[in-house]
């Protein structure tokens, strides 16, 4: 079986993707793709990961887990989604690294499912917007302590993915930028489900409709209907053109509010992030979905 662990940097749009996957649950099931509700496995996997801290997985643990998650459903591909797969939001910056528990968690995934093909699908986000969002509920004291301990320019997603590949070699990883998601939404959902890029899915423009005016979406859908032969790349260029004219400004502008941060620092962090995406794409075994 192929088991997809779908996660993301906290404060990304993973819950929206899960809702779209569940919306297509019945159609995907006909293609041998299982999308169980998170209530069936999140606590179960959390407890199992915790048990692995004490000792190795019991014999037959894999089959027990699969039976409990699938609940008699037959599938060759299983999609499990949880933003906490690599650790809680509180510990995303421990030891001066982004998600320091990531490689250990992936090792536990492999231990639990040794005979299955495991793949990781994950969204990343510009640290210039990720850190303020991740620390949104933190106390002023914790924010000050966190910022004093870590140079935000040194927090690289590529370091995390390289750790995973070094410590758990052979794991296939698919990555995308949360900032790009409105343009690549359909491809992300189809790749999660292992479907061809021309396969129809429900909710293929869910996120786009949240950042584009109603008039823009109506015109966009009419254009697609009149031009059904468009390739995925051409469709994205059309999305960009319509967003240039019909984007809802308040929905695409993010607030950056951390003490001591200047515009120059944010620009520098953004440039480092963009370069880091190129570094991630060069890591063997990692695929980056780009617009």
C-alpha atoms as a PDB file:
ATOM      1  CA  UNK A   1       0.000   0.000   0.000  1.00  0.00           C
ATOM      2  CA  UNK A   2       1.080   3.568  -0.620  1.00  0.00           C
ATOM      3  CA  UNK A   3       0.561   5.720   2.475  1.00  0.00           C
ATOM      4  CA  UNK A   4       0.526   9.489   2.031  1.00  0.00           C
ATOM      5  CA  UNK A   5       1.284  11.598   5.086  1.00  0.00           C
ATOM      6  CA  UNK A   6      -0.049  15.056   4.288  1.00  0.00           C
ATOM      7  CA  UNK A   7       1.146  17.815   6.584  1.00  0.00           C
ATOM      8  CA  UNK A   8       2.287  21.413   6.483  1.00  0.00           C
ATOM      9  CA  UNK A   9       3.957  24.224   8.307  1.00  0.00           C
ATOM     10  CA  UNK A  10       1.476  25.347  10.945  1.00  0.00           C
ATOM     11  CA  UNK A  11      -0.771  28.202   9.799  1.00  0.00           C
ATOM     12  CA  UNK A  12      -0.978  26.984   6.196  1.00  0.00           C
ATOM     13  CA  UNK A  13      -4.059  25.855   4.258  1.00  0.00           C
ATOM     14  CA  UNK A  14      -3.849  22.131   5.055  1.00  0.00           C
ATOM     15  CA  UNK A  15      -7.337  21.971   6.586  1.00  0.00           C
ATOM     16  CA  UNK A  16      -8.797  23.417   3.390  1.00  0.00           C
ATOM     17  CA  UNK A  17      -7.023  20.766   1.336  1.00  0.00           C
ATOM     18  CA  UNK A  18      -8.337  18.058   3.654  1.00  0.00           C
ATOM     19  CA  UNK A  19     -11.886  19.382   3.224  1.00  0.00           C
ATOM     20  CA  UNK A  20     -11.460  19.184  -0.555  1.00  0.00           C
ATOM     21  CA  UNK A  21     -10.109  15.628  -0.296  1.00  0.00           C
ATOM     22  CA  UNK A  22     -13.078  14.603   1.855  1.00  0.00           C
ATOM     23  CA  UNK A  23     -15.436  16.300  -0.596  1.00  0.00           C
ATOM     24  CA  UNK A  24     -14.052  13.950  -3.269  1.00  0.00           C
ATOM     25  CA  UNK A  25     -13.944  10.928  -0.950  1.00  0.00           C
ATOM     26  CA  UNK A  26     -16.462   8.772  -2.839  1.00  0.00           C
ATOM     27  CA  UNK A  27     -15.018   9.522  -6.269  1.00  0.00           C
ATOM     28  CA  UNK A  28     -11.474   8.859  -5.062  1.00  0.00           C
ATOM     29  CA  UNK A  29     -12.575   5.599  -3.454  1.00  0.00           C
ATOM     30  CA  UNK A  30     -13.616   4.312  -6.870  1.00  0.00           C
ATOM     31  CA  UNK A  31      -9.965   4.729  -7.889  1.00  0.00           C
ATOM     32  CA  UNK A  32      -8.696   2.830  -4.852  1.00  0.00           C
ATOM     33  CA  UNK A  33      -7.819   5.989  -2.896  1.00  0.00           C
ATOM     34  CA  UNK A  34      -8.961   6.140   0.738  1.00  0.00           C
ATOM     35  CA  UNK A  35      -9.502   9.485   2.494  1.00  0.00           C
ATOM     36  CA  UNK A  36     -10.627   8.578   6.007  1.00  0.00           C
ATOM     37  CA  UNK A  37     -11.963  11.263   8.310  1.00  0.00           C
ATOM     38  CA  UNK A  38      -9.269  12.545  10.683  1.00  0.00           C
ATOM     39  CA  UNK A  39     -11.244  11.342  13.700  1.00  0.00           C
ATOM     40  CA  UNK A  40     -10.372   7.791  12.701  1.00  0.00           C
ATOM     41  CA  UNK A  41      -6.614   8.127  12.955  1.00  0.00           C
ATOM     42  CA  UNK A  42      -5.222  11.348  14.456  1.00  0.00           C
ATOM     43  CA  UNK A  43      -5.424  10.362  18.117  1.00  0.00           C
ATOM     44  CA  UNK A  44      -4.642   6.753  17.229  1.00  0.00           C
ATOM     45  CA  UNK A  45      -1.421   7.687  15.450  1.00  0.00           C
ATOM     46  CA  UNK A  46      -0.474  10.185  18.164  1.00  0.00           C
ATOM     47  CA  UNK A  47      -0.795   7.478  20.824  1.00  0.00           C
ATOM     48  CA  UNK A  48       1.154   5.049  18.661  1.00  0.00           C
ATOM     49  CA  UNK A  49       3.989   7.531  18.079  1.00  0.00           C
ATOM     50  CA  UNK A  50       4.135   8.155  21.819  1.00  0.00           C
ATOM     51  CA  UNK A  51       4.316   4.399  22.471  1.00  0.00           C
ATOM     52  CA  UNK A  52       7.287   4.141  20.100  1.00  0.00           C
ATOM     53  CA  UNK A  53       9.193   6.452  22.431  1.00  0.00           C
ATOM     54  CA  UNK A  54       9.119   3.633  24.976  1.00  0.00           C
ATOM     55  CA  UNK A  55       9.706   0.588  22.792  1.00  0.00           C
ATOM     56  CA  UNK A  56       9.465  -0.859  19.260  1.00  0.00           C
ATOM     57  CA  UNK A  57       6.190  -1.459  17.501  1.00  0.00           C
ATOM     58  CA  UNK A  58       4.459  -4.673  18.474  1.00  0.00           C
ATOM     59  CA  UNK A  59       4.192  -7.471  15.942  1.00  0.00           C
ATOM     60  CA  UNK A  60       1.091  -6.973  13.836  1.00  0.00           C
ATOM     61  CA  UNK A  61       0.726  -3.315  14.861  1.00  0.00           C
ATOM     62  CA  UNK A  62       0.668  -2.216  11.244  1.00  0.00           C
ATOM     63  CA  UNK A  63      -2.276  -4.445  10.321  1.00  0.00           C
ATOM     64  CA  UNK A  64      -4.227  -3.384  13.401  1.00  0.00           C
ATOM     65  CA  UNK A  65      -3.724   0.288  12.527  1.00  0.00           C
ATOM     66  CA  UNK A  66      -4.675  -0.158   8.870  1.00  0.00           C
ATOM     67  CA  UNK A  67      -7.806  -2.119   9.781  1.00  0.00           C
ATOM     68  CA  UNK A  68      -8.857   0.528  12.286  1.00  0.00           C
ATOM     69  CA  UNK A  69      -8.251   3.384   9.846  1.00  0.00           C
ATOM     70  CA  UNK A  70      -9.794   1.837   6.727  1.00  0.00           C
ATOM     71  CA  UNK A  71     -12.756   0.236   8.528  1.00  0.00           C
ATOM     72  CA  UNK A  72     -13.277  -2.454   5.845  1.00  0.00           C
ATOM     73  CA  UNK A  73     -12.573  -0.074   2.949  1.00  0.00           C
ATOM     74  CA  UNK A  74     -10.293  -1.539   0.287  1.00  0.00           C
ATOM     75  CA  UNK A  75      -7.605   0.800  -1.017  1.00  0.00           C
ATOM     76  CA  UNK A  76      -4.175   0.838  -2.578  1.00  0.00           C
ATOM     77  CA  UNK A  77      -3.504   4.446  -1.567  1.00  0.00           C
ATOM     78  CA  UNK A  78      -4.246   5.907   1.865  1.00  0.00           C
ATOM     79  CA  UNK A  79      -4.150   9.652   2.581  1.00  0.00           C
ATOM     80  CA  UNK A  80      -3.587  10.715   6.196  1.00  0.00           C
ATOM     81  CA  UNK A  81      -3.627  14.438   6.962  1.00  0.00           C
ATOM     82  CA  UNK A  82      -2.474  16.288  10.083  1.00  0.00           C
ATOM     83  CA  UNK A  83      -0.505  19.516  10.551  1.00  0.00           C
ATOM     84  CA  UNK A  84       0.960  17.991  13.745  1.00  0.00           C
ATOM     85  CA  UNK A  85       2.698  15.026  12.088  1.00  0.00           C
ATOM     86  CA  UNK A  86       6.075  16.743  12.572  1.00  0.00           C
ATOM     87  CA  UNK A  87       5.349  18.101  16.041  1.00  0.00           C
ATOM     88  CA  UNK A  88       3.206  20.656  17.812  1.00  0.00           C
ATOM     89  CA  UNK A  89       3.146  24.339  16.969  1.00  0.00           C
ATOM     90  CA  UNK A  90       4.840  25.173  20.255  1.00  0.00           C
ATOM     91  CA  UNK A  91       7.997  23.237  19.330  1.00  0.00           C
ATOM     92  CA  UNK A  92       8.434  24.235  15.675  1.00  0.00           C
ATOM     93  CA  UNK A  93      11.536  26.317  16.503  1.00  0.00           C
ATOM     94  CA  UNK A  94      13.257  24.180  19.128  1.00  0.00           C
ATOM     95  CA  UNK A  95      17.050  23.906  18.890  1.00  0.00           C
ATOM     96  CA  UNK A  96      17.202  26.672  16.307  1.00  0.00           C
ATOM     97  CA  UNK A  97      15.641  24.438  13.624  1.00  0.00           C
ATOM     98  CA  UNK A  98      12.308  24.311  11.866  1.00  0.00           C
ATOM     99  CA  UNK A  99      10.460  21.191  13.062  1.00  0.00           C
ATOM    100  CA  UNK A 100      13.421  19.450  14.742  1.00  0.00           C
ATOM    101  CA  UNK A 101      11.264  16.340  15.321  1.00  0.00           C
ATOM    102  CA  UNK A 102      10.515  15.861  11.598  1.00  0.00           C
ATOM    103  CA  UNK A 103      13.097  13.189  10.780  1.00  0.00           C
ATOM    104  CA  UNK A 104      12.298  11.246  13.962  1.00  0.00           C
ATOM    105  CA  UNK A 105       8.598  11.291  13.099  1.00  0.00           C
ATOM    106  CA  UNK A 106       9.292  10.045   9.571  1.00  0.00           C
ATOM    107  CA  UNK A 107      11.463   7.268  11.012  1.00  0.00           C
ATOM    108  CA  UNK A 108       8.521   6.232  13.197  1.00  0.00           C
ATOM    109  CA  UNK A 109       6.245   6.232  10.155  1.00  0.00           C
ATOM    110  CA  UNK A 110       8.606   3.841   8.429  1.00  0.00           C
ATOM    111  CA  UNK A 111       8.832   1.670  11.556  1.00  0.00           C
ATOM    112  CA  UNK A 112       5.051   1.466  11.803  1.00  0.00           C
ATOM    113  CA  UNK A 113       4.525   0.701   8.111  1.00  0.00           C
ATOM    114  CA  UNK A 114       7.681  -1.194   7.042  1.00  0.00           C
ATOM    115  CA  UNK A 115       6.103  -2.990   4.100  1.00  0.00           C
ATOM    116  CA  UNK A 116       4.312   0.036   2.682  1.00  0.00           C
ATOM    117  CA  UNK A 117       5.503   2.834   0.416  1.00  0.00           C
ATOM    118  CA  UNK A 118       5.516   6.050   2.460  1.00  0.00           C
ATOM    119  CA  UNK A 119       5.406   9.496   0.896  1.00  0.00           C
ATOM    120  CA  UNK A 120       5.380  12.922   2.549  1.00  0.00           C
ATOM    121  CA  UNK A 121       3.384  15.820   1.132  1.00  0.00           C
ATOM    122  CA  UNK A 122       4.037  19.160   2.822  1.00  0.00           C
ATOM    123  CA  UNK A 123       3.414  22.864   2.406  1.00  0.00           C
ATOM    124  CA  UNK A 124       6.049  25.375   3.471  1.00  0.00           C
ATOM    125  CA  UNK A 125       5.652  29.076   4.082  1.00  0.00           C
ATOM    126  CA  UNK A 126       7.842  32.173   4.001  1.00  0.00           C
ATOM    127  CA  UNK A 127       9.362  32.430   7.516  1.00  0.00           C
ATOM    128  CA  UNK A 128       8.629  36.169   7.358  1.00  0.00           C
ATOM    129  CA  UNK A 129       4.907  35.330   7.594  1.00  0.00           C
ATOM    130  CA  UNK A 130       5.205  31.884   9.193  1.00  0.00           C
ATOM    131  CA  UNK A 131       6.891  33.062  12.385  1.00  0.00           C
ATOM    132  CA  UNK A 132       4.340  35.794  13.206  1.00  0.00           C
ATOM    133  CA  UNK A 133       1.520  33.307  12.579  1.00  0.00           C
ATOM    134  CA  UNK A 134       3.185  30.516  14.559  1.00  0.00           C
ATOM    135  CA  UNK A 135       3.751  32.864  17.506  1.00  0.00           C
ATOM    136  CA  UNK A 136       0.338  34.519  17.287  1.00  0.00           C
ATOM    137  CA  UNK A 137      -0.944  32.912  20.505  1.00  0.00           C
ATOM    138  CA  UNK A 138       2.357  33.102  22.375  1.00  0.00           C
ATOM    139  CA  UNK A 139       2.912  35.434  25.312  1.00  0.00           C
ATOM    140  CA  UNK A 140       4.979  38.555  24.825  1.00  0.00           C
ATOM    141  CA  UNK A 141       7.724  36.998  26.934  1.00  0.00           C
ATOM    142  CA  UNK A 142       7.885  33.845  24.819  1.00  0.00           C
ATOM    143  CA  UNK A 143       7.946  35.870  21.600  1.00  0.00           C
ATOM    144  CA  UNK A 144      10.836  37.961  22.925  1.00  0.00           C
ATOM    145  CA  UNK A 145      12.730  34.851  24.060  1.00  0.00           C
ATOM    146  CA  UNK A 146      12.176  33.090  20.734  1.00  0.00           C
ATOM    147  CA  UNK A 147      13.324  36.066  18.666  1.00  0.00           C
ATOM    148  CA  UNK A 148      16.371  36.582  20.870  1.00  0.00           C
ATOM    149  CA  UNK A 149      17.461  32.947  20.471  1.00  0.00           C
ATOM    150  CA  UNK A 150      16.972  32.543  16.733  1.00  0.00           C
ATOM    151  CA  UNK A 151      18.166  34.527  13.737  1.00  0.00           C
ATOM    152  CA  UNK A 152      15.107  34.253  11.448  1.00  0.00           C
ATOM    153  CA  UNK A 153      17.367  34.442   8.401  1.00  0.00           C
ATOM    154  CA  UNK A 154      18.973  31.138   9.424  1.00  0.00           C
ATOM    155  CA  UNK A 155      15.706  29.159   9.528  1.00  0.00           C
ATOM    156  CA  UNK A 156      15.745  27.134   6.314  1.00  0.00           C
ATOM    157  CA  UNK A 157      13.172  24.595   5.194  1.00  0.00           C
ATOM    158  CA  UNK A 158      15.829  22.877   3.109  1.00  0.00           C
ATOM    159  CA  UNK A 159      17.674  21.950   6.308  1.00  0.00           C
ATOM    160  CA  UNK A 160      14.604  20.055   7.528  1.00  0.00           C
ATOM    161  CA  UNK A 161      14.109  18.146   4.287  1.00  0.00           C
ATOM    162  CA  UNK A 162      17.808  17.320   4.087  1.00  0.00           C
ATOM    163  CA  UNK A 163      17.700  15.936   7.645  1.00  0.00           C
ATOM    164  CA  UNK A 164      14.796  13.688   6.659  1.00  0.00           C
ATOM    165  CA  UNK A 165      16.623  12.378   3.604  1.00  0.00           C
ATOM    166  CA  UNK A 166      19.869  11.869   5.544  1.00  0.00           C
ATOM    167  CA  UNK A 167      18.248  10.053   8.468  1.00  0.00           C
ATOM    168  CA  UNK A 168      15.442   8.216   6.663  1.00  0.00           C
ATOM    169  CA  UNK A 169      16.792   7.706   3.133  1.00  0.00           C
ATOM    170  CA  UNK A 170      14.497   6.760   0.286  1.00  0.00           C
ATOM    171  CA  UNK A 171      11.405   8.643   1.434  1.00  0.00           C
ATOM    172  CA  UNK A 172       9.720  10.505  -1.424  1.00  0.00           C
ATOM    173  CA  UNK A 173       8.708  14.057  -0.530  1.00  0.00           C
ATOM    174  CA  UNK A 174       6.467  16.504  -2.390  1.00  0.00           C
ATOM    175  CA  UNK A 175       6.641  20.169  -1.379  1.00  0.00           C
ATOM    176  CA  UNK A 176       4.803  23.336  -2.355  1.00  0.00           C
ATOM    177  CA  UNK A 177       4.733  26.948  -1.179  1.00  0.00           C
ATOM    178  CA  UNK A 178       1.574  27.911   0.641  1.00  0.00           C
ATOM    179  CA  UNK A 179       1.763  31.294  -1.105  1.00  0.00           C
ATOM    180  CA  UNK A 180       1.343  29.536  -4.478  1.00  0.00           C
ATOM    181  CA  UNK A 181      -1.566  27.326  -3.430  1.00  0.00           C
ATOM    182  CA  UNK A 182      -4.404  29.238  -5.163  1.00  0.00           C
ATOM    183  CA  UNK A 183      -2.619  28.660  -8.486  1.00  0.00           C
ATOM    184  CA  UNK A 184      -1.567  25.036  -7.910  1.00  0.00           C
ATOM    185  CA  UNK A 185      -4.523  23.885  -5.799  1.00  0.00           C
ATOM    186  CA  UNK A 186      -5.831  21.446  -8.409  1.00  0.00           C
ATOM    187  CA  UNK A 187      -2.427  19.880  -8.993  1.00  0.00           C
ATOM    188  CA  UNK A 188      -1.757  19.473  -5.259  1.00  0.00           C
ATOM    189  CA  UNK A 189      -5.088  17.691  -4.706  1.00  0.00           C
ATOM    190  CA  UNK A 190      -4.637  15.473  -7.773  1.00  0.00           C
ATOM    191  CA  UNK A 191      -1.064  14.522  -6.823  1.00  0.00           C
ATOM    192  CA  UNK A 192      -2.160  13.697  -3.281  1.00  0.00           C
ATOM    193  CA  UNK A 193      -4.741  11.353  -4.766  1.00  0.00           C
ATOM    194  CA  UNK A 194      -2.384  10.013  -7.449  1.00  0.00           C
ATOM    195  CA  UNK A 195      -4.684  11.158 -10.236  1.00  0.00           C
ATOM    196  CA  UNK A 196      -3.911  12.404 -13.762  1.00  0.00           C
ATOM    197  CA  UNK A 197      -3.733  16.186 -14.092  1.00  0.00           C
ATOM    198  CA  UNK A 198      -6.779  16.235 -16.380  1.00  0.00           C
ATOM    199  CA  UNK A 199      -8.982  14.297 -13.937  1.00  0.00           C
ATOM    200  CA  UNK A 200     -12.001  16.297 -12.833  1.00  0.00           C
ATOM    201  CA  UNK A 201     -12.302  17.004  -9.117  1.00  0.00           C
ATOM    202  CA  UNK A 202     -14.889  18.797  -7.032  1.00  0.00           C
ATOM    203  CA  UNK A 203     -13.666  22.071  -5.564  1.00  0.00           C
ATOM    204  CA  UNK A 204     -10.737  22.559  -7.923  1.00  0.00           C
ATOM    205  CA  UNK A 205     -10.934  26.342  -7.545  1.00  0.00           C
ATOM    206  CA  UNK A 206     -12.038  26.564  -3.904  1.00  0.00           C
ATOM    207  CA  UNK A 207      -9.102  28.652  -2.741  1.00  0.00           C
ATOM    208  CA  UNK A 208      -9.000  30.835  -5.838  1.00  0.00           C
ATOM    209  CA  UNK A 209     -12.614  31.845  -5.216  1.00  0.00           C
ATOM    210  CA  UNK A 210     -11.636  33.150  -1.773  1.00  0.00           C
ATOM    211  CA  UNK A 211      -9.150  35.663  -3.150  1.00  0.00           C
ATOM    212  CA  UNK A 212     -10.958  36.670  -6.347  1.00  0.00           C
ATOM    213  CA  UNK A 213     -14.118  38.757  -6.607  1.00  0.00           C
ATOM    214  CA  UNK A 214     -17.376  37.070  -7.600  1.00  0.00           C
ATOM    215  CA  UNK A 215     -17.349  38.895 -10.929  1.00  0.00           C
ATOM    216  CA  UNK A 216     -13.814  37.717 -11.578  1.00  0.00           C
ATOM    217  CA  UNK A 217     -14.665  34.089 -10.783  1.00  0.00           C
ATOM    218  CA  UNK A 218     -17.719  34.197 -13.018  1.00  0.00           C
ATOM    219  CA  UNK A 219     -15.672  35.568 -15.916  1.00  0.00           C
ATOM    220  CA  UNK A 220     -12.872  33.078 -15.177  1.00  0.00           C
ATOM    221  CA  UNK A 221     -15.245  30.094 -15.277  1.00  0.00           C
ATOM    222  CA  UNK A 222     -16.824  31.339 -18.504  1.00  0.00           C
ATOM    223  CA  UNK A 223     -13.355  31.652 -20.048  1.00  0.00           C
ATOM    224  CA  UNK A 224     -12.456  28.085 -19.036  1.00  0.00           C
ATOM    225  CA  UNK A 225     -15.745  26.802 -20.439  1.00  0.00           C
ATOM    226  CA  UNK A 226     -15.011  28.535 -23.734  1.00  0.00           C
ATOM    227  CA  UNK A 227     -11.439  27.208 -23.825  1.00  0.00           C
ATOM    228  CA  UNK A 228     -11.614  23.588 -22.574  1.00  0.00           C
ATOM    229  CA  UNK A 229      -8.392  22.625 -24.376  1.00  0.00           C
ATOM    230  CA  UNK A 230      -6.146  24.681 -22.092  1.00  0.00           C
ATOM    231  CA  UNK A 231      -3.191  22.858 -20.544  1.00  0.00           C
ATOM    232  CA  UNK A 232      -2.485  23.125 -16.816  1.00  0.00           C
ATOM    233  CA  UNK A 233       0.305  25.656 -17.478  1.00  0.00           C
ATOM    234  CA  UNK A 234      -1.976  27.754 -19.686  1.00  0.00           C
ATOM    235  CA  UNK A 235      -4.738  27.597 -17.086  1.00  0.00           C
ATOM    236  CA  UNK A 236      -2.371  28.988 -14.459  1.00  0.00           C
ATOM    237  CA  UNK A 237      -1.386  31.874 -16.694  1.00  0.00           C
ATOM    238  CA  UNK A 238      -5.086  32.647 -17.091  1.00  0.00           C
ATOM    239  CA  UNK A 239      -5.513  32.549 -13.290  1.00  0.00           C
ATOM    240  CA  UNK A 240      -2.676  35.041 -12.865  1.00  0.00           C
ATOM    241  CA  UNK A 241      -4.190  37.352 -15.480  1.00  0.00           C
ATOM    242  CA  UNK A 242      -7.594  37.287 -13.775  1.00  0.00           C
ATOM    243  CA  UNK A 243      -6.043  37.790 -10.330  1.00  0.00           C
ATOM    244  CA  UNK A 244      -4.191  40.840 -11.608  1.00  0.00           C
ATOM    245  CA  UNK A 245      -7.567  42.381 -12.350  1.00  0.00           C
ATOM    246  CA  UNK A 246      -9.994  40.826  -9.849  1.00  0.00           C
ATOM    247  CA  UNK A 247      -7.989  39.886  -6.739  1.00  0.00           C
ATOM    248  CA  UNK A 248      -9.477  40.876  -3.374  1.00  0.00           C
ATOM    249  CA  UNK A 249      -6.614  42.904  -1.932  1.00  0.00           C
ATOM    250  CA  UNK A 250      -7.459  42.263   1.727  1.00  0.00           C
ATOM    251  CA  UNK A 251      -7.303  38.502   1.142  1.00  0.00           C
ATOM    252  CA  UNK A 252      -3.797  38.450  -0.342  1.00  0.00           C
ATOM    253  CA  UNK A 253      -1.994  40.929   1.920  1.00  0.00           C
ATOM    254  CA  UNK A 254      -0.575  39.380   5.100  1.00  0.00           C
ATOM    255  CA  UNK A 255       0.107  41.256   8.296  1.00  0.00           C
ATOM    256  CA  UNK A 256       3.673  41.120   9.665  1.00  0.00           C
ATOM    257  CA  UNK A 257       3.806  42.201  13.264  1.00  0.00           C
ATOM    258  CA  UNK A 258       6.785  41.079  15.325  1.00  0.00           C
ATOM    259  CA  UNK A 259       8.788  43.452  17.515  1.00  0.00           C
ATOM    260  CA  UNK A 260      12.060  44.634  16.043  1.00  0.00           C
ATOM    261  CA  UNK A 261      11.391  43.534  12.476  1.00  0.00           C
ATOM    262  CA  UNK A 262      12.118  46.078   9.759  1.00  0.00           C
ATOM    263  CA  UNK A 263      10.995  46.132   6.139  1.00  0.00           C
ATOM    264  CA  UNK A 264      14.590  45.429   5.116  1.00  0.00           C
ATOM    265  CA  UNK A 265      14.699  42.302   7.295  1.00  0.00           C
ATOM    266  CA  UNK A 266      11.424  41.013   5.838  1.00  0.00           C
ATOM    267  CA  UNK A 267      12.725  41.585   2.296  1.00  0.00           C
ATOM    268  CA  UNK A 268      15.948  39.762   3.144  1.00  0.00           C
ATOM    269  CA  UNK A 269      14.050  36.836   4.680  1.00  0.00           C
ATOM    270  CA  UNK A 270      11.816  36.637   1.613  1.00  0.00           C
ATOM    271  CA  UNK A 271      14.815  36.544  -0.730  1.00  0.00           C
ATOM    272  CA  UNK A 272      16.415  33.796   1.385  1.00  0.00           C
ATOM    273  CA  UNK A 273      13.156  31.822   1.327  1.00  0.00           C
ATOM    274  CA  UNK A 274      12.857  32.059  -2.447  1.00  0.00           C
ATOM    275  CA  UNK A 275      16.449  30.861  -2.849  1.00  0.00           C
ATOM    276  CA  UNK A 276      15.768  28.082  -0.342  1.00  0.00           C
ATOM    277  CA  UNK A 277      12.977  26.719  -2.529  1.00  0.00           C
ATOM    278  CA  UNK A 278      15.556  26.207  -5.298  1.00  0.00           C
ATOM    279  CA  UNK A 279      17.770  24.381  -2.789  1.00  0.00           C
ATOM    280  CA  UNK A 280      14.863  22.136  -1.779  1.00  0.00           C
ATOM    281  CA  UNK A 281      14.204  21.273  -5.430  1.00  0.00           C
ATOM    282  CA  UNK A 282      17.807  20.064  -5.743  1.00  0.00           C
ATOM    283  CA  UNK A 283      17.535  17.584  -2.855  1.00  0.00           C
ATOM    284  CA  UNK A 284      17.316  14.031  -4.267  1.00  0.00           C
ATOM    285  CA  UNK A 285      13.908  12.472  -3.689  1.00  0.00           C
ATOM    286  CA  UNK A 286      12.139  15.812  -3.281  1.00  0.00           C
ATOM    287  CA  UNK A 287       9.663  17.199  -5.810  1.00  0.00           C
ATOM    288  CA  UNK A 288       8.557  20.829  -5.642  1.00  0.00           C
ATOM    289  CA  UNK A 289       5.216  21.826  -7.166  1.00  0.00           C
ATOM    290  CA  UNK A 290       5.603  25.278  -8.717  1.00  0.00           C
ATOM    291  CA  UNK A 291       3.082  27.523 -10.492  1.00  0.00           C
END
